[in-house]
Amino acid sequence: QVQLVESGGGLVQAGGSLRLSCAASGRTFSSYVMGWFRQAPGKEREFVAAISWSGGNTYYADSVKGRFTISRDNAKNMVYLQMDSLKPEDTAVYYCAAASGSTLSAHSNWYDYWGQGTQVTVSS
């Protein structure tokens, strides 16, 4: 069982930066693939980024590639999403997710555990 709690969301102007954090409970955190997803009002949840157990492999949605960076600190049971050059279309609730498999998947049904989400709003 893994519990996930996101933080770091807020209001930022276009072109600005935010860093999201996800705190995970559980002694086996390092055995989970971690992902970030987002959901804008009236839209389906979409994949943002994923990171492997060790942090050595990452995978990004095309819409955020080059602007967002996912990282993890297994000693602290934390995963991060550094978001730079933010755009109004990045506005959404951002969710942290954990998967017990080894694949860096963009599909939400691959992930077993989810946080409650944190709101990110980018003004133009």
N, C-alpha and C. Protein backbone atom coordinates (compact mmCIF):
# COMPACT_ATOMS: atom_id res chain seq x y z
N GLN A 1 0.84 -1.19 0.00
CA GLN A 1 0.00 0.00 0.00
C GLN A 1 0.88 1.25 0.00
N VAL A 2 0.54 2.19 -0.86
CA VAL A 2 1.28 3.45 -0.96
C VAL A 2 0.28 4.59 -0.87
N GLN A 3 0.57 5.56 -0.05
CA GLN A 3 -0.23 6.78 0.01
C GLN A 3 0.59 7.93 -0.55
N LEU A 4 -0.04 8.76 -1.35
CA LEU A 4 0.64 9.83 -2.06
C LEU A 4 -0.01 11.16 -1.73
N VAL A 5 0.82 12.17 -1.45
CA VAL A 5 0.32 13.51 -1.15
C VAL A 5 1.10 14.52 -1.96
N GLU A 6 0.39 15.23 -2.82
CA GLU A 6 1.03 16.26 -3.66
C GLU A 6 1.02 17.61 -2.96
N SER A 7 1.99 18.45 -3.34
CA SER A 7 2.05 19.82 -2.87
C SER A 7 2.80 20.65 -3.89
N GLY A 8 2.73 21.97 -3.72
CA GLY A 8 3.51 22.86 -4.57
C GLY A 8 2.75 23.56 -5.66
N GLY A 9 1.47 23.24 -5.81
CA GLY A 9 0.68 23.92 -6.82
C GLY A 9 0.41 25.37 -6.45
N GLY A 10 -0.13 26.11 -7.40
CA GLY A 10 -0.44 27.52 -7.15
C GLY A 10 -0.72 28.26 -8.42
N LEU A 11 -0.72 29.58 -8.29
CA LEU A 11 -0.97 30.47 -9.42
C LEU A 11 0.35 31.09 -9.87
N VAL A 12 0.60 31.03 -11.17
CA VAL A 12 1.85 31.56 -11.71
C VAL A 12 1.55 32.20 -13.07
N GLN A 13 2.34 33.20 -13.44
CA GLN A 13 2.17 33.82 -14.75
C GLN A 13 2.82 32.97 -15.84
N ALA A 14 2.32 33.12 -17.03
CA ALA A 14 2.90 32.42 -18.16
C ALA A 14 4.39 32.73 -18.26
N GLY A 15 5.17 31.68 -18.53
CA GLY A 15 6.62 31.83 -18.58
C GLY A 15 7.30 31.54 -17.26
N GLY A 16 6.52 31.43 -16.20
CA GLY A 16 7.07 31.17 -14.88
C GLY A 16 7.32 29.70 -14.61
N SER A 17 7.69 29.42 -13.37
CA SER A 17 8.04 28.05 -12.97
C SER A 17 7.35 27.67 -11.68
N LEU A 18 7.13 26.38 -11.53
CA LEU A 18 6.64 25.79 -10.29
C LEU A 18 7.31 24.45 -10.11
N ARG A 19 7.46 24.03 -8.87
CA ARG A 19 7.97 22.70 -8.58
C ARG A 19 6.95 21.95 -7.74
N LEU A 20 6.43 20.89 -8.28
CA LEU A 20 5.50 20.05 -7.55
C LEU A 20 6.25 18.96 -6.82
N SER A 21 5.75 18.62 -5.64
CA SER A 21 6.33 17.54 -4.85
C SER A 21 5.25 16.50 -4.56
N CYS A 22 5.69 15.27 -4.43
CA CYS A 22 4.79 14.18 -4.06
C CYS A 22 5.49 13.36 -2.98
N ALA A 23 4.88 13.33 -1.81
CA ALA A 23 5.41 12.55 -0.70
C ALA A 23 4.71 11.21 -0.65
N ALA A 24 5.49 10.15 -0.58
CA ALA A 24 4.94 8.80 -0.59
C ALA A 24 5.22 8.10 0.73
N SER A 25 4.24 7.38 1.18
CA SER A 25 4.43 6.54 2.36
C SER A 25 4.76 5.12 1.89
N GLY A 26 5.30 4.32 2.79
CA GLY A 26 5.58 2.93 2.44
C GLY A 26 7.07 2.68 2.27
N ARG A 27 7.52 1.53 2.77
CA ARG A 27 8.93 1.21 2.74
C ARG A 27 9.41 0.76 1.37
N THR A 28 8.48 0.45 0.45
CA THR A 28 8.87 -0.07 -0.86
C THR A 28 8.76 0.97 -1.95
N PHE A 29 8.85 2.23 -1.58
CA PHE A 29 8.71 3.32 -2.55
C PHE A 29 9.64 3.14 -3.72
N SER A 30 10.86 2.73 -3.46
CA SER A 30 11.86 2.63 -4.53
C SER A 30 11.54 1.54 -5.54
N SER A 31 10.56 0.71 -5.28
CA SER A 31 10.20 -0.34 -6.22
C SER A 31 9.06 0.06 -7.15
N TYR A 32 8.58 1.28 -7.03
CA TYR A 32 7.46 1.76 -7.84
C TYR A 32 7.92 2.70 -8.95
N VAL A 33 7.38 2.50 -10.12
CA VAL A 33 7.45 3.53 -11.16
C VAL A 33 6.52 4.66 -10.72
N MET A 34 6.97 5.89 -10.85
CA MET A 34 6.18 7.04 -10.45
C MET A 34 5.82 7.88 -11.68
N GLY A 35 4.62 8.42 -11.64
CA GLY A 35 4.17 9.23 -12.76
C GLY A 35 3.44 10.47 -12.30
N TRP A 36 3.36 11.43 -13.20
CA TRP A 36 2.54 12.63 -13.01
C TRP A 36 1.52 12.68 -14.14
N PHE A 37 0.30 12.97 -13.77
CA PHE A 37 -0.79 13.16 -14.72
C PHE A 37 -1.45 14.50 -14.41
N ARG A 38 -2.27 14.99 -15.33
CA ARG A 38 -3.02 16.21 -15.08
C ARG A 38 -4.39 16.13 -15.71
N GLN A 39 -5.30 16.91 -15.15
CA GLN A 39 -6.66 16.95 -15.67
C GLN A 39 -7.16 18.38 -15.64
N ALA A 40 -7.46 18.90 -16.80
CA ALA A 40 -8.03 20.24 -16.93
C ALA A 40 -9.56 20.14 -16.90
N PRO A 41 -10.23 21.24 -16.54
CA PRO A 41 -11.69 21.20 -16.48
C PRO A 41 -12.30 20.77 -17.81
N GLY A 42 -13.21 19.81 -17.76
CA GLY A 42 -13.89 19.35 -18.96
C GLY A 42 -13.08 18.43 -19.85
N LYS A 43 -11.88 18.07 -19.39
CA LYS A 43 -11.03 17.22 -20.21
C LYS A 43 -10.68 15.94 -19.46
N GLU A 44 -10.22 14.94 -20.21
CA GLU A 44 -9.80 13.69 -19.60
C GLU A 44 -8.42 13.86 -18.94
N ARG A 45 -8.15 12.98 -18.00
CA ARG A 45 -6.84 12.98 -17.37
C ARG A 45 -5.79 12.59 -18.41
N GLU A 46 -4.66 13.31 -18.42
CA GLU A 46 -3.63 13.03 -19.40
C GLU A 46 -2.27 12.86 -18.74
N PHE A 47 -1.48 12.05 -19.39
CA PHE A 47 -0.13 11.74 -18.92
C PHE A 47 0.78 12.95 -19.07
N VAL A 48 1.66 13.14 -18.08
CA VAL A 48 2.65 14.22 -18.14
C VAL A 48 4.07 13.64 -18.19
N ALA A 49 4.41 12.81 -17.20
CA ALA A 49 5.77 12.29 -17.13
C ALA A 49 5.81 11.06 -16.24
N ALA A 50 6.84 10.23 -16.43
CA ALA A 50 7.05 9.05 -15.59
C ALA A 50 8.54 8.84 -15.37
N ILE A 51 8.87 8.16 -14.28
CA ILE A 51 10.27 7.92 -13.93
C ILE A 51 10.42 6.51 -13.39
N SER A 52 11.53 5.87 -13.73
CA SER A 52 11.77 4.49 -13.33
C SER A 52 12.14 4.40 -11.86
N TRP A 53 12.26 3.13 -11.38
CA TRP A 53 12.59 2.90 -9.98
C TRP A 53 13.83 3.66 -9.54
N SER A 54 14.87 3.58 -10.34
CA SER A 54 16.16 4.18 -9.96
C SER A 54 16.24 5.66 -10.29
N GLY A 55 15.33 6.12 -11.13
CA GLY A 55 15.42 7.50 -11.61
C GLY A 55 16.24 7.62 -12.88
N GLY A 56 16.78 6.51 -13.35
CA GLY A 56 17.65 6.57 -14.51
C GLY A 56 16.94 6.72 -15.84
N ASN A 57 15.68 6.37 -15.86
CA ASN A 57 14.89 6.49 -17.09
C ASN A 57 13.67 7.37 -16.85
N THR A 58 13.41 8.24 -17.81
CA THR A 58 12.25 9.12 -17.74
C THR A 58 11.50 9.11 -19.08
N TYR A 59 10.26 9.54 -19.01
CA TYR A 59 9.39 9.53 -20.19
C TYR A 59 8.45 10.70 -20.06
N TYR A 60 8.32 11.49 -21.15
CA TYR A 60 7.52 12.71 -21.10
C TYR A 60 6.48 12.73 -22.22
N ALA A 61 5.38 13.39 -21.92
CA ALA A 61 4.43 13.71 -22.98
C ALA A 61 5.07 14.76 -23.89
N ASP A 62 4.74 14.70 -25.16
CA ASP A 62 5.32 15.65 -26.11
C ASP A 62 5.01 17.10 -25.72
N SER A 63 3.86 17.31 -25.12
CA SER A 63 3.43 18.67 -24.80
C SER A 63 4.28 19.33 -23.71
N VAL A 64 5.03 18.54 -22.94
CA VAL A 64 5.82 19.11 -21.86
C VAL A 64 7.32 18.85 -22.03
N LYS A 65 7.68 18.08 -23.03
CA LYS A 65 9.09 17.73 -23.24
C LYS A 65 9.92 18.98 -23.43
N GLY A 66 11.03 19.05 -22.70
CA GLY A 66 11.90 20.21 -22.77
C GLY A 66 11.54 21.32 -21.81
N ARG A 67 10.36 21.24 -21.20
CA ARG A 67 9.93 22.27 -20.24
C ARG A 67 9.79 21.70 -18.83
N PHE A 68 9.38 20.45 -18.72
CA PHE A 68 9.17 19.81 -17.42
C PHE A 68 10.26 18.77 -17.17
N THR A 69 10.60 18.59 -15.89
CA THR A 69 11.58 17.58 -15.50
C THR A 69 11.06 16.80 -14.30
N ILE A 70 11.00 15.48 -14.44
CA ILE A 70 10.60 14.62 -13.33
C ILE A 70 11.85 14.06 -12.67
N SER A 71 11.82 13.98 -11.34
CA SER A 71 12.94 13.41 -10.60
C SER A 71 12.41 12.74 -9.34
N ARG A 72 13.25 11.99 -8.69
CA ARG A 72 12.84 11.32 -7.45
C ARG A 72 14.02 11.21 -6.49
N ASP A 73 13.69 11.13 -5.21
CA ASP A 73 14.68 10.93 -4.16
C ASP A 73 14.17 9.76 -3.33
N ASN A 74 14.70 8.58 -3.59
CA ASN A 74 14.20 7.39 -2.90
C ASN A 74 14.51 7.39 -1.41
N ALA A 75 15.56 8.08 -1.02
CA ALA A 75 15.90 8.14 0.40
C ALA A 75 14.86 8.94 1.17
N LYS A 76 14.20 9.87 0.49
CA LYS A 76 13.19 10.71 1.13
C LYS A 76 11.77 10.32 0.75
N ASN A 77 11.63 9.30 -0.07
CA ASN A 77 10.29 8.89 -0.56
C ASN A 77 9.57 10.05 -1.24
N MET A 78 10.29 10.75 -2.11
CA MET A 78 9.74 11.92 -2.78
C MET A 78 9.91 11.81 -4.30
N VAL A 79 8.94 12.36 -5.00
CA VAL A 79 9.06 12.54 -6.45
C VAL A 79 8.68 13.98 -6.75
N TYR A 80 9.34 14.56 -7.75
CA TYR A 80 9.18 15.98 -8.06
C TYR A 80 8.84 16.17 -9.53
N LEU A 81 8.21 17.30 -9.78
CA LEU A 81 7.97 17.73 -11.16
C LEU A 81 8.34 19.21 -11.25
N GLN A 82 9.48 19.47 -11.85
CA GLN A 82 9.91 20.86 -12.09
C GLN A 82 9.27 21.32 -13.39
N MET A 83 8.50 22.39 -13.30
CA MET A 83 7.78 22.89 -14.47
C MET A 83 8.28 24.29 -14.81
N ASP A 84 8.89 24.42 -15.96
CA ASP A 84 9.42 25.71 -16.43
C ASP A 84 8.68 26.16 -17.69
N SER A 85 8.83 27.43 -18.02
CA SER A 85 8.20 27.99 -19.22
C SER A 85 6.72 27.61 -19.28
N LEU A 86 6.05 27.82 -18.18
CA LEU A 86 4.65 27.41 -18.09
C LEU A 86 3.76 28.20 -19.05
N LYS A 87 2.74 27.52 -19.54
CA LYS A 87 1.79 28.10 -20.47
C LYS A 87 0.38 28.01 -19.88
N PRO A 88 -0.52 28.87 -20.31
CA PRO A 88 -1.90 28.79 -19.80
C PRO A 88 -2.52 27.40 -20.02
N GLU A 89 -2.14 26.74 -21.07
CA GLU A 89 -2.70 25.39 -21.33
C GLU A 89 -2.16 24.32 -20.38
N ASP A 90 -1.20 24.68 -19.53
CA ASP A 90 -0.74 23.76 -18.50
C ASP A 90 -1.64 23.80 -17.26
N THR A 91 -2.60 24.70 -17.25
CA THR A 91 -3.52 24.81 -16.12
C THR A 91 -4.31 23.52 -15.96
N ALA A 92 -4.25 22.94 -14.76
CA ALA A 92 -4.91 21.66 -14.50
C ALA A 92 -4.69 21.28 -13.04
N VAL A 93 -5.39 20.25 -12.62
CA VAL A 93 -5.06 19.58 -11.36
C VAL A 93 -4.02 18.51 -11.70
N TYR A 94 -2.92 18.53 -10.98
CA TYR A 94 -1.82 17.60 -11.22
C TYR A 94 -1.84 16.49 -10.17
N TYR A 95 -1.74 15.25 -10.66
CA TYR A 95 -1.80 14.08 -9.80
C TYR A 95 -0.50 13.29 -9.86
N CYS A 96 -0.09 12.81 -8.73
CA CYS A 96 1.03 11.89 -8.60
C CYS A 96 0.46 10.47 -8.59
N ALA A 97 1.17 9.54 -9.21
CA ALA A 97 0.69 8.16 -9.27
C ALA A 97 1.85 7.19 -9.14
N ALA A 98 1.55 6.00 -8.62
CA ALA A 98 2.57 4.96 -8.43
C ALA A 98 2.12 3.67 -9.09
N ALA A 99 3.06 3.01 -9.77
CA ALA A 99 2.77 1.74 -10.44
C ALA A 99 3.75 0.68 -9.96
N SER A 100 3.23 -0.52 -9.68
CA SER A 100 4.10 -1.59 -9.21
C SER A 100 4.81 -2.31 -10.34
N GLY A 101 4.42 -2.06 -11.58
CA GLY A 101 5.13 -2.65 -12.71
C GLY A 101 6.38 -1.87 -13.04
N SER A 102 7.11 -2.34 -14.04
CA SER A 102 8.38 -1.71 -14.39
C SER A 102 8.29 -0.81 -15.63
N THR A 103 7.16 -0.82 -16.29
CA THR A 103 7.02 -0.05 -17.52
C THR A 103 6.73 1.41 -17.22
N LEU A 104 7.37 2.30 -17.97
CA LEU A 104 7.05 3.72 -17.87
C LEU A 104 5.87 3.96 -18.80
N SER A 105 4.67 3.85 -18.26
CA SER A 105 3.47 3.90 -19.08
C SER A 105 2.80 5.25 -19.03
N ALA A 106 2.19 5.60 -20.16
CA ALA A 106 1.40 6.83 -20.24
C ALA A 106 -0.08 6.56 -19.95
N HIS A 107 -0.43 5.32 -19.69
CA HIS A 107 -1.83 4.95 -19.49
C HIS A 107 -2.16 5.00 -18.00
N SER A 108 -3.20 5.71 -17.65
CA SER A 108 -3.55 5.88 -16.24
C SER A 108 -3.93 4.56 -15.58
N ASN A 109 -4.49 3.62 -16.34
CA ASN A 109 -4.91 2.37 -15.72
C ASN A 109 -3.74 1.47 -15.36
N TRP A 110 -2.52 1.86 -15.76
CA TRP A 110 -1.30 1.11 -15.37
C TRP A 110 -0.94 1.38 -13.92
N TYR A 111 -1.39 2.51 -13.41
CA TYR A 111 -0.97 2.98 -12.09
C TYR A 111 -1.94 2.51 -11.00
N ASP A 112 -1.37 2.08 -9.88
CA ASP A 112 -2.15 1.46 -8.82
C ASP A 112 -2.61 2.44 -7.74
N TYR A 113 -1.82 3.46 -7.51
CA TYR A 113 -2.11 4.39 -6.41
C TYR A 113 -2.06 5.83 -6.93
N TRP A 114 -2.93 6.66 -6.37
CA TRP A 114 -3.06 8.05 -6.80
C TRP A 114 -3.16 8.97 -5.60
N GLY A 115 -2.60 10.17 -5.77
CA GLY A 115 -2.80 11.22 -4.79
C GLY A 115 -4.08 11.97 -5.05
N GLN A 116 -4.34 12.98 -4.22
CA GLN A 116 -5.57 13.75 -4.32
C GLN A 116 -5.45 14.90 -5.32
N GLY A 117 -4.24 15.26 -5.69
CA GLY A 117 -4.05 16.29 -6.69
C GLY A 117 -3.73 17.65 -6.11
N THR A 118 -3.07 18.48 -6.91
CA THR A 118 -2.76 19.85 -6.54
C THR A 118 -3.03 20.74 -7.75
N GLN A 119 -3.66 21.88 -7.49
CA GLN A 119 -4.09 22.76 -8.59
C GLN A 119 -2.92 23.63 -9.07
N VAL A 120 -2.75 23.66 -10.37
CA VAL A 120 -1.79 24.57 -11.01
C VAL A 120 -2.58 25.46 -11.96
N THR A 121 -2.43 26.77 -11.77
CA THR A 121 -3.12 27.72 -12.64
C THR A 121 -2.07 28.67 -13.23
N VAL A 122 -2.07 28.75 -14.56
CA VAL A 122 -1.12 29.61 -15.26
C VAL A 122 -1.90 30.72 -15.94
N SER A 123 -1.63 31.94 -15.54
CA SER A 123 -2.34 33.08 -16.11
C SER A 123 -1.59 33.65 -17.31
N SER A 124 -2.34 34.19 -18.24
CA SER A 124 -1.72 34.73 -19.46
C SER A 124 -1.36 36.20 -19.30
